Each structure stands twice: as C-alpha cells, then as structure tokens.
Amino acid sequence: MERTNVIPERMIEIVVNDRLGKKVRVKCNPKDTIGQLKVLISAQIGTDASKISLRKW
C-alpha cells in the first residue's frame, strides 16, 4: 500500500445561538458550504435545516 503525505485540514468552530438561550459550538471544515453547516447545526439543536437562519453578529 502506498502512503501519501496528507496534511489534515484544520477545523473551525462556530458558536451558534438559537435565541432561546441555548448556545452550541459546531465544528466544520473551512470548505464546507452553508447548506452543510446548516445540516451540522440542525443535528446539534434539533431544528430542521430549512428553518435555520444564519446571521453574523
């Protein structure tokens, strides 16, 4: 088996506030799309991904 040198990509951590007092930290890759990020957030907070609205504070 041939090994290649793969440099692991650093993950970023995003703090999400659901406006009901719950803050969740979600880790994702910098190359993830907004849709993929919403799916990760929905898995953490239990809200449908189509209902999530992301805003920068």
PDB file of N, CA and C in Angstrom:
ATOM      1  N   MET A   1       0.835  -1.176   0.000  1.00  0.00           N
ATOM      2  CA  MET A   1       0.000   0.000   0.000  1.00  0.00           C
ATOM      3  C   MET A   1       0.886   1.247   0.000  1.00  0.00           C
ATOM      4  N   GLU A   2       0.555   2.173  -0.835  1.00  0.00           N
ATOM      5  CA  GLU A   2       1.337   3.387  -0.969  1.00  0.00           C
ATOM      6  C   GLU A   2       0.755   4.475  -0.070  1.00  0.00           C
ATOM      7  N   ARG A   3       1.614   5.121   0.655  1.00  0.00           N
ATOM      8  CA  ARG A   3       1.168   6.198   1.534  1.00  0.00           C
ATOM      9  C   ARG A   3       1.504   7.543   0.911  1.00  0.00           C
ATOM     10  N   THR A   4       0.565   8.433   0.982  1.00  0.00           N
ATOM     11  CA  THR A   4       0.828   9.794   0.529  1.00  0.00           C
ATOM     12  C   THR A   4       0.778  10.708   1.735  1.00  0.00           C
ATOM     13  N   ASN A   5       1.524  11.759   1.684  1.00  0.00           N
ATOM     14  CA  ASN A   5       1.515  12.714   2.783  1.00  0.00           C
ATOM     15  C   ASN A   5       0.302  13.611   2.647  1.00  0.00           C
ATOM     16  N   VAL A   6      -0.641  13.406   3.520  1.00  0.00           N
ATOM     17  CA  VAL A   6      -1.852  14.210   3.511  1.00  0.00           C
ATOM     18  C   VAL A   6      -1.817  15.106   4.733  1.00  0.00           C
ATOM     19  N   ILE A   7      -1.882  16.379   4.501  1.00  0.00           N
ATOM     20  CA  ILE A   7      -1.909  17.335   5.601  1.00  0.00           C
ATOM     21  C   ILE A   7      -3.360  17.513   6.024  1.00  0.00           C
ATOM     22  N   PRO A   8      -3.679  17.180   7.277  1.00  0.00           N
ATOM     23  CA  PRO A   8      -5.069  17.338   7.705  1.00  0.00           C
ATOM     24  C   PRO A   8      -5.462  18.813   7.754  1.00  0.00           C
ATOM     25  N   GLU A   9      -6.663  19.076   7.327  1.00  0.00           N
ATOM     26  CA  GLU A   9      -7.162  20.445   7.304  1.00  0.00           C
ATOM     27  C   GLU A   9      -7.665  20.812   8.697  1.00  0.00           C
ATOM     28  N   ARG A  10      -7.359  22.007   9.136  1.00  0.00           N
ATOM     29  CA  ARG A  10      -7.816  22.454  10.449  1.00  0.00           C
ATOM     30  C   ARG A  10      -9.301  22.753  10.393  1.00  0.00           C
ATOM     31  N   MET A  11      -9.993  22.347  11.425  1.00  0.00           N
ATOM     32  CA  MET A  11     -11.425  22.607  11.504  1.00  0.00           C
ATOM     33  C   MET A  11     -11.639  23.951  12.195  1.00  0.00           C
ATOM     34  N   ILE A  12     -12.745  24.590  11.867  1.00  0.00           N
ATOM     35  CA  ILE A  12     -13.100  25.835  12.534  1.00  0.00           C
ATOM     36  C   ILE A  12     -14.293  25.559  13.438  1.00  0.00           C
ATOM     37  N   GLU A  13     -14.425  26.365  14.471  1.00  0.00           N
ATOM     38  CA  GLU A  13     -15.508  26.200  15.429  1.00  0.00           C
ATOM     39  C   GLU A  13     -16.409  27.423  15.353  1.00  0.00           C
ATOM     40  N   ILE A  14     -17.693  27.185  15.203  1.00  0.00           N
ATOM     41  CA  ILE A  14     -18.667  28.261  15.086  1.00  0.00           C
ATOM     42  C   ILE A  14     -19.618  28.173  16.266  1.00  0.00           C
ATOM     43  N   VAL A  15     -19.835  29.295  16.945  1.00  0.00           N
ATOM     44  CA  VAL A  15     -20.768  29.338  18.068  1.00  0.00           C
ATOM     45  C   VAL A  15     -22.114  29.800  17.542  1.00  0.00           C
ATOM     46  N   VAL A  16     -23.142  28.990  17.791  1.00  0.00           N
ATOM     47  CA  VAL A  16     -24.482  29.258  17.286  1.00  0.00           C
ATOM     48  C   VAL A  16     -25.406  29.502  18.468  1.00  0.00           C
ATOM     49  N   ASN A  17     -26.190  30.564  18.386  1.00  0.00           N
ATOM     50  CA  ASN A  17     -27.170  30.897  19.414  1.00  0.00           C
ATOM     51  C   ASN A  17     -28.554  30.721  18.807  1.00  0.00           C
ATOM     52  N   ASP A  18     -29.407  29.905  19.462  1.00  0.00           N
ATOM     53  CA  ASP A  18     -30.733  29.664  18.899  1.00  0.00           C
ATOM     54  C   ASP A  18     -31.773  30.682  19.382  1.00  0.00           C
ATOM     55  N   ARG A  19     -31.347  31.729  20.055  1.00  0.00           N
ATOM     56  CA  ARG A  19     -32.198  32.820  20.536  1.00  0.00           C
ATOM     57  C   ARG A  19     -33.189  32.381  21.597  1.00  0.00           C
ATOM     58  N   LEU A  20     -33.054  31.170  22.096  1.00  0.00           N
ATOM     59  CA  LEU A  20     -33.847  30.695  23.226  1.00  0.00           C
ATOM     60  C   LEU A  20     -32.938  30.418  24.420  1.00  0.00           C
ATOM     61  N   GLY A  21     -31.719  30.899  24.333  1.00  0.00           N
ATOM     62  CA  GLY A  21     -30.781  30.750  25.426  1.00  0.00           C
ATOM     63  C   GLY A  21     -29.810  29.594  25.274  1.00  0.00           C
ATOM     64  N   LYS A  22     -29.907  28.833  24.214  1.00  0.00           N
ATOM     65  CA  LYS A  22     -29.016  27.698  24.019  1.00  0.00           C
ATOM     66  C   LYS A  22     -27.921  28.075  23.028  1.00  0.00           C
ATOM     67  N   LYS A  23     -26.671  27.928  23.472  1.00  0.00           N
ATOM     68  CA  LYS A  23     -25.530  28.160  22.590  1.00  0.00           C
ATOM     69  C   LYS A  23     -24.887  26.819  22.285  1.00  0.00           C
ATOM     70  N   VAL A  24     -24.573  26.603  21.028  1.00  0.00           N
ATOM     71  CA  VAL A  24     -23.988  25.345  20.578  1.00  0.00           C
ATOM     72  C   VAL A  24     -22.725  25.661  19.799  1.00  0.00           C
ATOM     73  N   ARG A  25     -21.681  24.885  20.029  1.00  0.00           N
ATOM     74  CA  ARG A  25     -20.439  25.014  19.267  1.00  0.00           C
ATOM     75  C   ARG A  25     -20.412  23.912  18.224  1.00  0.00           C
ATOM     76  N   VAL A  26     -20.274  24.301  16.966  1.00  0.00           N
ATOM     77  CA  VAL A  26     -20.272  23.350  15.857  1.00  0.00           C
ATOM     78  C   VAL A  26     -18.920  23.437  15.164  1.00  0.00           C
ATOM     79  N   LYS A  27     -18.290  22.299  14.969  1.00  0.00           N
ATOM     80  CA  LYS A  27     -17.009  22.260  14.262  1.00  0.00           C
ATOM     81  C   LYS A  27     -17.253  21.822  12.832  1.00  0.00           C
ATOM     82  N   CYS A  28     -16.608  22.524  11.900  1.00  0.00           N
ATOM     83  CA  CYS A  28     -16.756  22.183  10.488  1.00  0.00           C
ATOM     84  C   CYS A  28     -15.462  22.529   9.758  1.00  0.00           C
ATOM     85  N   ASN A  29     -15.376  22.075   8.538  1.00  0.00           N
ATOM     86  CA  ASN A  29     -14.223  22.387   7.696  1.00  0.00           C
ATOM     87  C   ASN A  29     -14.428  23.750   7.045  1.00  0.00           C
ATOM     88  N   PRO A  30     -13.353  24.488   6.800  1.00  0.00           N
ATOM     89  CA  PRO A  30     -13.496  25.790   6.137  1.00  0.00           C
ATOM     90  C   PRO A  30     -14.098  25.697   4.741  1.00  0.00           C
ATOM     91  N   LYS A  31     -13.984  24.545   4.086  1.00  0.00           N
ATOM     92  CA  LYS A  31     -14.518  24.385   2.736  1.00  0.00           C
ATOM     93  C   LYS A  31     -15.974  23.938   2.719  1.00  0.00           C
ATOM     94  N   ASP A  32     -16.578  23.694   3.889  1.00  0.00           N
ATOM     95  CA  ASP A  32     -17.987  23.291   3.931  1.00  0.00           C
ATOM     96  C   ASP A  32     -18.873  24.428   3.433  1.00  0.00           C
ATOM     97  N   THR A  33     -19.949  24.067   2.762  1.00  0.00           N
ATOM     98  CA  THR A  33     -20.893  25.071   2.279  1.00  0.00           C
ATOM     99  C   THR A  33     -21.841  25.466   3.406  1.00  0.00           C
ATOM    100  N   ILE A  34     -22.620  26.528   3.174  1.00  0.00           N
ATOM    101  CA  ILE A  34     -23.596  26.975   4.160  1.00  0.00           C
ATOM    102  C   ILE A  34     -24.641  25.884   4.390  1.00  0.00           C
ATOM    103  N   GLY A  35     -25.029  25.198   3.338  1.00  0.00           N
ATOM    104  CA  GLY A  35     -26.003  24.114   3.472  1.00  0.00           C
ATOM    105  C   GLY A  35     -25.482  22.985   4.348  1.00  0.00           C
ATOM    106  N   GLN A  36     -24.213  22.627   4.182  1.00  0.00           N
ATOM    107  CA  GLN A  36     -23.614  21.589   5.016  1.00  0.00           C
ATOM    108  C   GLN A  36     -23.512  22.051   6.460  1.00  0.00           C
ATOM    109  N   LEU A  37     -23.196  23.325   6.670  1.00  0.00           N
ATOM    110  CA  LEU A  37     -23.129  23.875   8.015  1.00  0.00           C
ATOM    111  C   LEU A  37     -24.499  23.838   8.679  1.00  0.00           C
ATOM    112  N   LYS A  38     -25.545  24.170   7.939  1.00  0.00           N
ATOM    113  CA  LYS A  38     -26.894  24.136   8.494  1.00  0.00           C
ATOM    114  C   LYS A  38     -27.301  22.721   8.896  1.00  0.00           C
ATOM    115  N   VAL A  39     -26.883  21.724   8.123  1.00  0.00           N
ATOM    116  CA  VAL A  39     -27.182  20.331   8.470  1.00  0.00           C
ATOM    117  C   VAL A  39     -26.470  19.939   9.764  1.00  0.00           C
ATOM    118  N   LEU A  40     -25.222  20.371   9.932  1.00  0.00           N
ATOM    119  CA  LEU A  40     -24.495  20.092  11.167  1.00  0.00           C
ATOM    120  C   LEU A  40     -25.157  20.765  12.365  1.00  0.00           C
ATOM    121  N   ILE A  41     -25.593  22.016  12.176  1.00  0.00           N
ATOM    122  CA  ILE A  41     -26.261  22.742  13.256  1.00  0.00           C
ATOM    123  C   ILE A  41     -27.587  22.078  13.600  1.00  0.00           C
ATOM    124  N   SER A  42     -28.343  21.675  12.591  1.00  0.00           N
ATOM    125  CA  SER A  42     -29.651  21.063  12.848  1.00  0.00           C
ATOM    126  C   SER A  42     -29.500  19.744  13.600  1.00  0.00           C
ATOM    127  N   ALA A  43     -28.419  19.016  13.363  1.00  0.00           N
ATOM    128  CA  ALA A  43     -28.179  17.777  14.101  1.00  0.00           C
ATOM    129  C   ALA A  43     -27.887  18.056  15.570  1.00  0.00           C
ATOM    130  N   GLN A  44     -27.294  19.213  15.855  1.00  0.00           N
ATOM    131  CA  GLN A  44     -26.954  19.552  17.233  1.00  0.00           C
ATOM    132  C   GLN A  44     -28.145  20.105  18.012  1.00  0.00           C
ATOM    133  N   ILE A  45     -28.956  20.969  17.389  1.00  0.00           N
ATOM    134  CA  ILE A  45     -30.015  21.648  18.140  1.00  0.00           C
ATOM    135  C   ILE A  45     -31.399  21.076  17.893  1.00  0.00           C
ATOM    136  N   GLY A  46     -31.554  20.190  16.922  1.00  0.00           N
ATOM    137  CA  GLY A  46     -32.840  19.543  16.705  1.00  0.00           C
ATOM    138  C   GLY A  46     -33.839  20.345  15.902  1.00  0.00           C
ATOM    139  N   THR A  47     -33.396  21.374  15.217  1.00  0.00           N
ATOM    140  CA  THR A  47     -34.263  22.183  14.367  1.00  0.00           C
ATOM    141  C   THR A  47     -34.031  21.789  12.913  1.00  0.00           C
ATOM    142  N   ASP A  48     -35.077  21.830  12.105  1.00  0.00           N
ATOM    143  CA  ASP A  48     -34.941  21.493  10.695  1.00  0.00           C
ATOM    144  C   ASP A  48     -33.969  22.466  10.023  1.00  0.00           C
ATOM    145  N   ALA A  49     -33.116  21.942   9.147  1.00  0.00           N
ATOM    146  CA  ALA A  49     -32.087  22.765   8.499  1.00  0.00           C
ATOM    147  C   ALA A  49     -32.687  23.879   7.656  1.00  0.00           C
ATOM    148  N   SER A  50     -33.882  23.659   7.097  1.00  0.00           N
ATOM    149  CA  SER A  50     -34.507  24.694   6.267  1.00  0.00           C
ATOM    150  C   SER A  50     -35.030  25.856   7.103  1.00  0.00           C
ATOM    151  N   LYS A  51     -35.177  25.673   8.405  1.00  0.00           N
ATOM    152  CA  LYS A  51     -35.677  26.728   9.296  1.00  0.00           C
ATOM    153  C   LYS A  51     -34.558  27.571   9.901  1.00  0.00           C
ATOM    154  N   ILE A  52     -33.313  27.189   9.672  1.00  0.00           N
ATOM    155  CA  ILE A  52     -32.179  27.877  10.292  1.00  0.00           C
ATOM    156  C   ILE A  52     -31.787  29.089   9.462  1.00  0.00           C
ATOM    157  N   SER A  53     -31.646  30.220  10.142  1.00  0.00           N
ATOM    158  CA  SER A  53     -31.211  31.467   9.514  1.00  0.00           C
ATOM    159  C   SER A  53     -29.906  31.885  10.181  1.00  0.00           C
ATOM    160  N   LEU A  54     -28.847  32.024   9.406  1.00  0.00           N
ATOM    161  CA  LEU A  54     -27.544  32.386   9.956  1.00  0.00           C
ATOM    162  C   LEU A  54     -27.307  33.876   9.785  1.00  0.00           C
ATOM    163  N   ARG A  55     -26.847  34.498  10.866  1.00  0.00           N
ATOM    164  CA  ARG A  55     -26.534  35.933  10.843  1.00  0.00           C
ATOM    165  C   ARG A  55     -25.218  36.165  11.552  1.00  0.00           C
ATOM    166  N   LYS A  56     -24.476  37.131  11.077  1.00  0.00           N
ATOM    167  CA  LYS A  56     -23.217  37.500  11.707  1.00  0.00           C
ATOM    168  C   LYS A  56     -23.494  38.595  12.726  1.00  0.00           C
ATOM    169  N   TRP A  57     -22.920  38.447  13.925  1.00  0.00           N
ATOM    170  CA  TRP A  57     -23.140  39.457  14.969  1.00  0.00           C
ATOM    171  C   TRP A  57     -22.046  40.465  14.957  1.00  0.00           C
TER     172      TRP A  57
END
